[in-house]
Amino acid sequence: MKIEPFNTENPVEKSLFSALCTRRFPHAVILEGASPDERMKLAKKIAAALVCTGAEVPCGVCPDCIKAAADSHADILIHSVEDKPRAFKVGMVRDIRSNAYIVPNEADRKVFILENSHTMGVEGQNAILKILEEPPSYVNFILLCSSKSGFLPTVLSRSAVYNLGQSSSSDDDSVPREKILEAAKSVALSLTSYSDYETVRAAAVFEKDAKLLREALPVIQEIFAAALRIKYNAAEETEFDDIPSELSQKLSRRSLLELIEAADTIMSSLKLNANHNLTVTTLCTRFRRAVV
């Protein structure tokens, strides 16, 4: 792999490059969106820049950059798991945390890249939170995820979040954002009702549109996460109108966490090509069960 320079025409890469050049790079960043390959490519570029000893980072020619390009740098540690619920086990997180307290082998910094970090459960996130709160001065964490919505507000508050947008290889026939938002908000809002029928009615839009379901599920999960952040007094402006606030008022933290986990499970089943109609039924059942 050749390490490419940062594309300063891209606002996200420009911001990251500026932080690296001014030596004000956060101890923890979350890269969300794009494709898994695009997230990992950018994470490796950041890691190379952090260990680089050249005049302009990453220079691509210093010993640290050469090792980084070959995925053989002792101080760039990549931890990957499958994109499925709770794949990032709490034991792995604790091992990473222990390793972080060991000084770097070769470089001035030690960089941990955690792929599919959104699959950590609450216990795993609380475990990594302990080191995010007071990290060693030489440690950087790069957390990769499809969406930040799976993280606890306490983890988000101690990380700089960069949204990479849609994958550059996205299909041209992608579902319009307005349609995705409308479906997602309708399903989320239905959970404030005492009637199961309201959720079934809202989810009916997915019955003949598998692509819409795939696109809307992460947004639905993001609405649940926004509601949970309000519970933790970490409210933020969103594109979901007052729906997160309504959910926060009517649902408990336990219910919101269960809804987030249910959405994760359903998204994983879709990746395994589960029966579409059965998946829509499962969505209604799991979501309603979480709010009882």
Protein backbone atom coordinates (compact mmCIF):
# COMPACT_ATOMS: atom_id res chain seq x y z
CA MET A 1 0.00 0.00 0.00
CA LYS A 2 1.26 3.46 -0.92
CA ILE A 3 0.48 6.22 1.53
CA GLU A 4 -1.13 9.08 -0.35
CA PRO A 5 -0.99 12.69 0.86
CA PHE A 6 -4.11 14.22 2.38
CA ASN A 7 -6.60 15.60 -0.12
CA THR A 8 -7.02 19.15 1.15
CA GLU A 9 -9.82 19.74 -1.38
CA ASN A 10 -11.88 17.43 0.82
CA PRO A 11 -13.13 19.35 3.91
CA VAL A 12 -12.75 16.37 6.27
CA GLU A 13 -9.23 15.51 5.13
CA LYS A 14 -8.27 19.18 5.22
CA SER A 15 -9.44 19.43 8.83
CA LEU A 16 -7.58 16.27 9.82
CA PHE A 17 -4.42 17.40 8.05
CA SER A 18 -4.55 20.79 9.77
CA ALA A 19 -4.90 19.15 13.18
CA LEU A 20 -1.93 16.88 12.44
CA CYS A 21 0.27 19.72 11.21
CA THR A 22 -0.47 21.90 14.22
CA ARG A 23 0.07 18.97 16.60
CA ARG A 24 -3.42 19.42 17.99
CA PHE A 25 -4.73 16.09 16.86
CA PRO A 26 -7.30 14.63 19.29
CA HIS A 27 -6.43 11.58 21.35
CA ALA A 28 -9.57 9.90 20.00
CA VAL A 29 -11.37 10.35 16.70
CA ILE A 30 -14.41 8.58 15.28
CA LEU A 31 -14.58 8.15 11.50
CA GLU A 32 -18.16 7.41 10.44
CA GLY A 33 -19.78 6.91 7.06
CA ALA A 34 -18.31 6.08 3.64
CA SER A 35 -17.41 2.44 3.02
CA PRO A 36 -15.35 0.17 5.33
CA ASP A 37 -12.44 0.29 2.87
CA GLU A 38 -12.56 4.08 2.65
CA ARG A 39 -12.65 4.42 6.43
CA MET A 40 -9.69 2.08 6.86
CA LYS A 41 -7.68 3.77 4.12
CA LEU A 42 -8.09 7.16 5.82
CA ALA A 43 -7.36 5.69 9.26
CA LYS A 44 -4.09 4.22 8.02
CA LYS A 45 -3.15 7.54 6.46
CA ILE A 46 -3.79 9.29 9.79
CA ALA A 47 -1.80 6.64 11.67
CA ALA A 48 1.14 7.03 9.28
CA ALA A 49 1.06 10.79 9.75
CA LEU A 50 1.07 10.40 13.55
CA VAL A 51 4.23 8.26 13.55
CA CYS A 52 5.93 10.04 10.61
CA THR A 53 9.27 11.75 11.24
CA GLY A 54 9.36 13.65 7.94
CA ALA A 55 8.93 17.37 7.40
CA GLU A 56 5.41 17.03 5.96
CA VAL A 57 3.16 14.27 7.25
CA PRO A 58 2.89 11.63 6.05
CA CYS A 59 6.10 12.02 4.05
CA GLY A 60 5.93 8.47 2.67
CA VAL A 61 9.69 7.95 2.68
CA CYS A 62 10.83 7.91 6.31
CA PRO A 63 11.30 4.48 7.98
CA ASP A 64 8.08 4.91 9.95
CA CYS A 65 6.04 5.70 6.85
CA ILE A 66 7.54 2.77 4.95
CA LYS A 67 6.60 0.40 7.77
CA ALA A 68 3.15 1.94 8.03
CA ALA A 69 2.60 1.44 4.30
CA ALA A 70 3.55 -2.21 4.68
CA ASP A 71 1.21 -2.67 7.67
CA SER A 72 4.23 -3.68 9.73
CA HIS A 73 4.73 -0.74 12.09
CA ALA A 74 4.98 -1.94 15.68
CA ASP A 75 3.18 1.12 17.02
CA ILE A 76 0.18 1.03 14.68
CA LEU A 77 -2.17 -1.62 16.01
CA ILE A 78 -5.27 -2.58 14.02
CA HIS A 79 -8.09 -4.48 15.70
CA SER A 80 -10.84 -5.73 13.39
CA VAL A 81 -14.06 -7.58 14.12
CA GLU A 82 -17.12 -8.52 12.09
CA ASP A 83 -19.87 -5.95 11.70
CA LYS A 84 -22.36 -7.65 13.98
CA PRO A 85 -23.77 -6.79 17.42
CA ARG A 86 -21.32 -7.10 20.33
CA ALA A 87 -18.56 -8.45 18.07
CA PHE A 88 -16.10 -6.14 19.84
CA LYS A 89 -15.95 -8.07 23.10
CA VAL A 90 -15.27 -6.33 26.38
CA GLY A 91 -12.24 -8.59 26.90
CA MET A 92 -10.69 -7.24 23.68
CA VAL A 93 -11.28 -3.69 24.84
CA ARG A 94 -9.63 -4.37 28.19
CA ASP A 95 -6.60 -5.91 26.44
CA ILE A 96 -6.32 -2.85 24.20
CA ARG A 97 -6.59 -0.59 27.25
CA SER A 98 -3.78 -2.47 29.02
CA ASN A 99 -1.60 -2.33 25.90
CA ALA A 100 -2.15 1.41 25.62
CA TYR A 101 -0.29 1.98 28.88
CA ILE A 102 2.84 0.36 27.43
CA VAL A 103 5.10 2.98 25.84
CA PRO A 104 5.67 2.88 22.05
CA ASN A 105 8.29 0.54 20.63
CA GLU A 106 9.71 2.66 17.81
CA ALA A 107 7.76 5.89 17.27
CA ASP A 108 6.84 8.77 19.54
CA ARG A 109 3.19 7.73 19.37
CA LYS A 110 1.13 4.57 19.62
CA VAL A 111 -1.95 4.39 17.39
CA PHE A 112 -4.90 2.01 17.80
CA ILE A 113 -7.29 1.57 14.87
CA LEU A 114 -10.52 -0.14 15.96
CA GLU A 115 -12.60 -1.33 13.01
CA ASN A 116 -16.36 -1.74 13.49
CA SER A 117 -15.98 -0.20 16.93
CA HIS A 118 -19.72 0.54 16.96
CA THR A 119 -20.26 -3.16 17.74
CA MET A 120 -19.03 -2.66 21.32
CA GLY A 121 -21.73 -3.23 23.88
CA VAL A 122 -22.31 -0.84 26.75
CA GLU A 123 -19.81 -2.69 28.94
CA GLY A 124 -17.13 -2.49 26.23
CA GLN A 125 -17.75 1.21 25.69
CA ASN A 126 -17.50 1.87 29.41
CA ALA A 127 -14.21 -0.06 29.43
CA ILE A 128 -12.67 2.08 26.69
CA LEU A 129 -14.14 5.22 28.24
CA LYS A 130 -11.77 4.80 31.18
CA ILE A 131 -8.75 5.41 28.96
CA LEU A 132 -10.44 8.00 26.76
CA GLU A 133 -10.98 10.10 29.88
CA GLU A 134 -7.30 10.12 30.86
CA PRO A 135 -5.21 8.70 27.99
CA PRO A 136 -1.41 8.49 28.08
CA SER A 137 0.08 11.45 26.23
CA TYR A 138 1.50 9.24 23.46
CA VAL A 139 -1.70 7.33 22.58
CA ASN A 140 -4.21 7.92 19.78
CA PHE A 141 -7.40 5.99 19.10
CA ILE A 142 -9.09 5.91 15.68
CA LEU A 143 -12.56 4.36 15.93
CA LEU A 144 -14.16 3.30 12.66
CA CYS A 145 -17.91 2.83 12.33
CA SER A 146 -20.77 3.03 9.89
CA SER A 147 -22.55 5.47 12.21
CA LYS A 148 -21.71 7.17 15.50
CA SER A 149 -25.26 6.43 16.68
CA GLY A 150 -24.17 3.22 18.35
CA PHE A 151 -21.91 5.03 20.81
CA LEU A 152 -22.81 6.22 24.29
CA PRO A 153 -22.93 10.00 24.75
CA THR A 154 -20.00 9.76 27.18
CA VAL A 155 -17.80 8.18 24.47
CA LEU A 156 -18.89 10.72 21.87
CA SER A 157 -18.15 13.60 24.22
CA ARG A 158 -14.52 12.48 24.52
CA SER A 159 -13.96 11.94 20.80
CA ALA A 160 -13.80 14.13 17.72
CA VAL A 161 -16.32 12.83 15.18
CA TYR A 162 -15.67 13.10 11.43
CA ASN A 163 -18.45 12.19 9.03
CA LEU A 164 -17.02 10.92 5.74
CA GLY A 165 -20.37 11.02 3.97
CA GLN A 166 -21.56 8.39 1.53
CA SER A 167 -19.24 5.93 -0.14
CA SER A 168 -17.68 7.24 -3.34
CA SER A 169 -18.85 3.99 -4.95
CA SER A 170 -22.50 4.44 -3.91
CA ASP A 171 -25.14 3.36 -6.42
CA ASP A 172 -26.71 6.07 -8.55
CA ASP A 173 -30.15 4.68 -7.71
CA SER A 174 -29.81 5.39 -4.00
CA VAL A 175 -32.98 6.25 -2.12
CA PRO A 176 -33.58 10.02 -1.75
CA ARG A 177 -32.63 11.28 1.70
CA GLU A 178 -36.06 12.86 2.16
CA LYS A 179 -37.78 9.51 1.67
CA ILE A 180 -35.40 7.78 4.10
CA LEU A 181 -35.97 10.47 6.74
CA GLU A 182 -39.73 10.34 6.34
CA ALA A 183 -39.83 6.55 6.81
CA ALA A 184 -37.36 6.57 9.71
CA LYS A 185 -39.12 9.36 11.59
CA SER A 186 -42.51 7.70 11.08
CA VAL A 187 -41.33 4.40 12.59
CA ALA A 188 -39.55 6.10 15.49
CA LEU A 189 -42.53 8.32 16.28
CA SER A 190 -44.87 5.31 16.27
CA LEU A 191 -43.05 4.01 19.34
CA THR A 192 -44.42 6.86 21.42
CA SER A 193 -47.90 5.38 20.90
CA TYR A 194 -49.40 2.64 23.05
CA SER A 195 -50.77 0.94 19.95
CA ASP A 196 -48.80 -1.83 18.21
CA TYR A 197 -50.79 -1.06 15.09
CA GLU A 198 -49.12 2.34 14.74
CA THR A 199 -45.71 0.70 14.36
CA VAL A 200 -47.04 -1.92 11.92
CA ARG A 201 -48.64 0.85 9.87
CA ALA A 202 -45.45 2.94 9.84
CA ALA A 203 -43.32 -0.07 8.84
CA ALA A 204 -45.65 -1.00 5.98
CA VAL A 205 -43.65 1.32 3.72
CA PHE A 206 -40.80 -1.25 3.84
CA GLU A 207 -42.88 -4.25 2.75
CA LYS A 208 -42.17 -3.79 -0.95
CA ASP A 209 -38.98 -1.74 -0.68
CA ALA A 210 -36.01 -3.68 0.67
CA LYS A 211 -33.56 -0.93 -0.31
CA LEU A 212 -35.50 1.65 1.68
CA LEU A 213 -35.40 -0.62 4.72
CA ARG A 214 -31.62 -1.00 4.46
CA GLU A 215 -31.15 2.76 4.11
CA ALA A 216 -33.62 3.71 6.84
CA LEU A 217 -32.49 1.35 9.61
CA PRO A 218 -29.24 3.22 10.43
CA VAL A 219 -31.23 6.47 10.50
CA ILE A 220 -33.84 4.96 12.82
CA GLN A 221 -31.01 3.82 15.08
CA GLU A 222 -29.51 7.31 14.97
CA ILE A 223 -32.84 8.76 16.15
CA PHE A 224 -32.84 6.34 19.10
CA ALA A 225 -29.25 7.35 19.92
CA ALA A 226 -30.14 11.04 19.74
CA ALA A 227 -32.98 10.40 22.21
CA LEU A 228 -30.57 8.57 24.52
CA ARG A 229 -28.12 11.47 24.40
CA ILE A 230 -30.92 13.76 25.54
CA LYS A 231 -31.43 11.42 28.50
CA TYR A 232 -27.77 11.99 29.36
CA ASN A 233 -28.19 15.77 28.98
CA ALA A 234 -26.10 15.77 25.81
CA ALA A 235 -28.72 17.09 23.40
CA GLU A 236 -27.65 18.28 19.96
CA GLU A 237 -29.32 19.73 16.89
CA THR A 238 -30.47 17.02 14.46
CA GLU A 239 -32.51 16.68 11.28
CA PHE A 240 -35.13 14.63 13.13
CA ASP A 241 -37.32 17.54 14.33
CA ASP A 242 -38.63 16.96 17.88
CA ILE A 243 -38.86 13.18 17.59
CA PRO A 244 -35.75 12.37 19.71
CA SER A 245 -37.10 14.67 22.41
CA GLU A 246 -40.50 12.94 22.36
CA LEU A 247 -38.86 9.52 22.58
CA SER A 248 -36.66 10.72 25.43
CA GLN A 249 -39.68 11.92 27.38
CA LYS A 250 -41.73 8.74 26.92
CA LEU A 251 -39.09 5.98 26.93
CA SER A 252 -36.57 4.88 29.53
CA ARG A 253 -32.84 4.61 28.97
CA ARG A 254 -33.22 0.83 29.05
CA SER A 255 -35.83 0.94 26.30
CA LEU A 256 -33.69 3.21 24.13
CA LEU A 257 -30.65 0.96 24.54
CA GLU A 258 -32.76 -2.07 23.64
CA LEU A 259 -34.03 -0.28 20.54
CA ILE A 260 -30.46 0.54 19.46
CA GLU A 261 -29.43 -3.09 19.93
CA ALA A 262 -32.55 -4.33 18.11
CA ALA A 263 -31.71 -2.12 15.13
CA ASP A 264 -28.16 -3.53 15.13
CA THR A 265 -29.49 -7.09 15.11
CA ILE A 266 -31.89 -6.40 12.25
CA MET A 267 -29.18 -4.70 10.18
CA SER A 268 -26.92 -7.72 10.69
CA SER A 269 -29.67 -10.11 9.59
CA LEU A 270 -30.17 -8.09 6.41
CA LYS A 271 -26.48 -8.49 5.59
CA LEU A 272 -27.02 -12.25 5.84
CA ASN A 273 -29.86 -11.96 3.30
CA ALA A 274 -32.62 -12.77 5.75
CA ASN A 275 -36.17 -13.08 4.41
CA HIS A 276 -37.39 -9.54 3.79
CA ASN A 277 -41.00 -9.87 4.95
CA LEU A 278 -39.90 -11.76 8.05
CA THR A 279 -37.39 -8.99 8.78
CA VAL A 280 -40.10 -6.30 8.64
CA THR A 281 -42.22 -8.38 11.04
CA THR A 282 -39.21 -8.84 13.33
CA LEU A 283 -38.60 -5.08 13.31
CA CYS A 284 -42.13 -4.37 14.51
CA THR A 285 -41.97 -7.10 17.15
CA ARG A 286 -38.54 -6.19 18.55
CA PHE A 287 -39.23 -2.46 18.59
CA ARG A 288 -42.59 -2.83 20.33
CA ARG A 289 -41.17 -5.29 22.86
CA ALA A 290 -38.45 -2.78 23.78
CA VAL A 291 -40.94 -0.06 24.67
CA VAL A 292 -43.31 -2.17 26.77
